[in-house]
Amino acid sequence: MSVNRVMDTILQLVQDNPWFGVVTAIVALASAVAAATPTPEKGTFLSKVYSIVDWAALNIGKAKQK
């Protein structure tokens, strides 16, 4: 498969799905929030909210903060 064909497929996906930009913005915002805030202590309400933000930011597996 040529590079041009792959790029055309990706561009077609982005252009045909208006929700794609919204999902991308949510992931970017969640990533910024997760990077800018310290990890709260386990068992608190904020840790539950932070886990949702972490999931939305795609911070899973080895990408998680320790």
C-alpha atoms as a PDB file:
ATOM      1  CA  MET A   1       0.000   0.000   0.000  1.00  0.00           C
ATOM      2  CA  SER A   2       1.468   3.367  -0.955  1.00  0.00           C
ATOM      3  CA  VAL A   3       1.890   6.257   1.444  1.00  0.00           C
ATOM      4  CA  ASN A   4      -0.490   8.418  -0.571  1.00  0.00           C
ATOM      5  CA  ARG A   5      -3.239   5.837  -0.321  1.00  0.00           C
ATOM      6  CA  VAL A   6      -2.788   5.550   3.457  1.00  0.00           C
ATOM      7  CA  MET A   7      -2.891   9.332   3.846  1.00  0.00           C
ATOM      8  CA  ASP A   8      -5.994   9.550   1.667  1.00  0.00           C
ATOM      9  CA  THR A   9      -7.686   6.924   3.832  1.00  0.00           C
ATOM     10  CA  ILE A  10      -6.827   8.810   7.028  1.00  0.00           C
ATOM     11  CA  LEU A  11      -8.014  12.116   5.589  1.00  0.00           C
ATOM     12  CA  GLN A  12     -11.247  10.511   4.423  1.00  0.00           C
ATOM     13  CA  LEU A  13     -11.844   9.135   7.943  1.00  0.00           C
ATOM     14  CA  VAL A  14     -11.351  12.563   9.492  1.00  0.00           C
ATOM     15  CA  GLN A  15     -13.493  14.382   6.946  1.00  0.00           C
ATOM     16  CA  ASP A  16     -16.372  11.892   6.998  1.00  0.00           C
ATOM     17  CA  ASN A  17     -16.748  11.791  10.798  1.00  0.00           C
ATOM     18  CA  PRO A  18     -17.547  15.122  12.478  1.00  0.00           C
ATOM     19  CA  TRP A  19     -17.154  13.526  15.928  1.00  0.00           C
ATOM     20  CA  PHE A  20     -13.468  12.841  15.231  1.00  0.00           C
ATOM     21  CA  GLY A  21     -12.451  16.415  16.087  1.00  0.00           C
ATOM     22  CA  VAL A  22     -14.465  16.342  19.312  1.00  0.00           C
ATOM     23  CA  VAL A  23     -12.848  13.092  20.456  1.00  0.00           C
ATOM     24  CA  THR A  24      -9.409  14.424  19.591  1.00  0.00           C
ATOM     25  CA  ALA A  25     -10.054  17.607  21.584  1.00  0.00           C
ATOM     26  CA  ILE A  26     -11.247  15.603  24.612  1.00  0.00           C
ATOM     27  CA  VAL A  27      -8.117  13.437  24.569  1.00  0.00           C
ATOM     28  CA  ALA A  28      -5.882  16.511  24.223  1.00  0.00           C
ATOM     29  CA  LEU A  29      -7.617  18.341  27.085  1.00  0.00           C
ATOM     30  CA  ALA A  30      -7.501  15.288  29.348  1.00  0.00           C
ATOM     31  CA  SER A  31      -3.800  14.817  28.541  1.00  0.00           C
ATOM     32  CA  ALA A  32      -3.054  18.427  29.457  1.00  0.00           C
ATOM     33  CA  VAL A  33      -4.977  18.144  32.745  1.00  0.00           C
ATOM     34  CA  ALA A  34      -3.291  14.843  33.648  1.00  0.00           C
ATOM     35  CA  ALA A  35       0.158  16.248  32.884  1.00  0.00           C
ATOM     36  CA  ALA A  36      -0.396  19.493  34.807  1.00  0.00           C
ATOM     37  CA  THR A  37      -1.875  18.039  37.998  1.00  0.00           C
ATOM     38  CA  PRO A  38      -0.225  15.822  40.591  1.00  0.00           C
ATOM     39  CA  THR A  39      -1.609  12.347  41.153  1.00  0.00           C
ATOM     40  CA  PRO A  40      -3.956  12.436  44.196  1.00  0.00           C
ATOM     41  CA  GLU A  41      -3.764   9.916  47.018  1.00  0.00           C
ATOM     42  CA  LYS A  42      -5.625   6.653  46.494  1.00  0.00           C
ATOM     43  CA  GLY A  43      -9.082   6.286  47.994  1.00  0.00           C
ATOM     44  CA  THR A  44     -10.104   9.942  47.721  1.00  0.00           C
ATOM     45  CA  PHE A  45     -12.826  11.399  45.560  1.00  0.00           C
ATOM     46  CA  LEU A  46     -10.217  13.244  43.493  1.00  0.00           C
ATOM     47  CA  SER A  47      -8.409   9.987  42.761  1.00  0.00           C
ATOM     48  CA  LYS A  48     -11.592   8.607  41.219  1.00  0.00           C
ATOM     49  CA  VAL A  49     -12.024  11.723  39.071  1.00  0.00           C
ATOM     50  CA  TYR A  50      -8.328  11.599  38.157  1.00  0.00           C
ATOM     51  CA  SER A  51      -8.637   7.971  37.056  1.00  0.00           C
ATOM     52  CA  ILE A  52     -11.379   8.993  34.616  1.00  0.00           C
ATOM     53  CA  VAL A  53      -9.231  11.856  33.307  1.00  0.00           C
ATOM     54  CA  ASP A  54      -6.278   9.460  33.021  1.00  0.00           C
ATOM     55  CA  TRP A  55      -8.405   7.027  31.024  1.00  0.00           C
ATOM     56  CA  ALA A  56      -9.694   9.810  28.739  1.00  0.00           C
ATOM     57  CA  ALA A  57      -6.096  10.954  28.205  1.00  0.00           C
ATOM     58  CA  LEU A  58      -5.192   7.419  27.109  1.00  0.00           C
ATOM     59  CA  ASN A  59      -2.657   7.185  29.964  1.00  0.00           C
ATOM     60  CA  ILE A  60      -2.757   3.443  30.406  1.00  0.00           C
ATOM     61  CA  GLY A  61      -0.135   0.782  30.970  1.00  0.00           C
ATOM     62  CA  LYS A  62       3.401   2.135  30.844  1.00  0.00           C
ATOM     63  CA  ALA A  63       2.170   5.664  30.065  1.00  0.00           C
ATOM     64  CA  LYS A  64       0.792   6.087  33.607  1.00  0.00           C
ATOM     65  CA  GLN A  65       2.500   8.326  36.143  1.00  0.00           C
ATOM     66  CA  LYS A  66       4.145   6.544  39.060  1.00  0.00           C
END
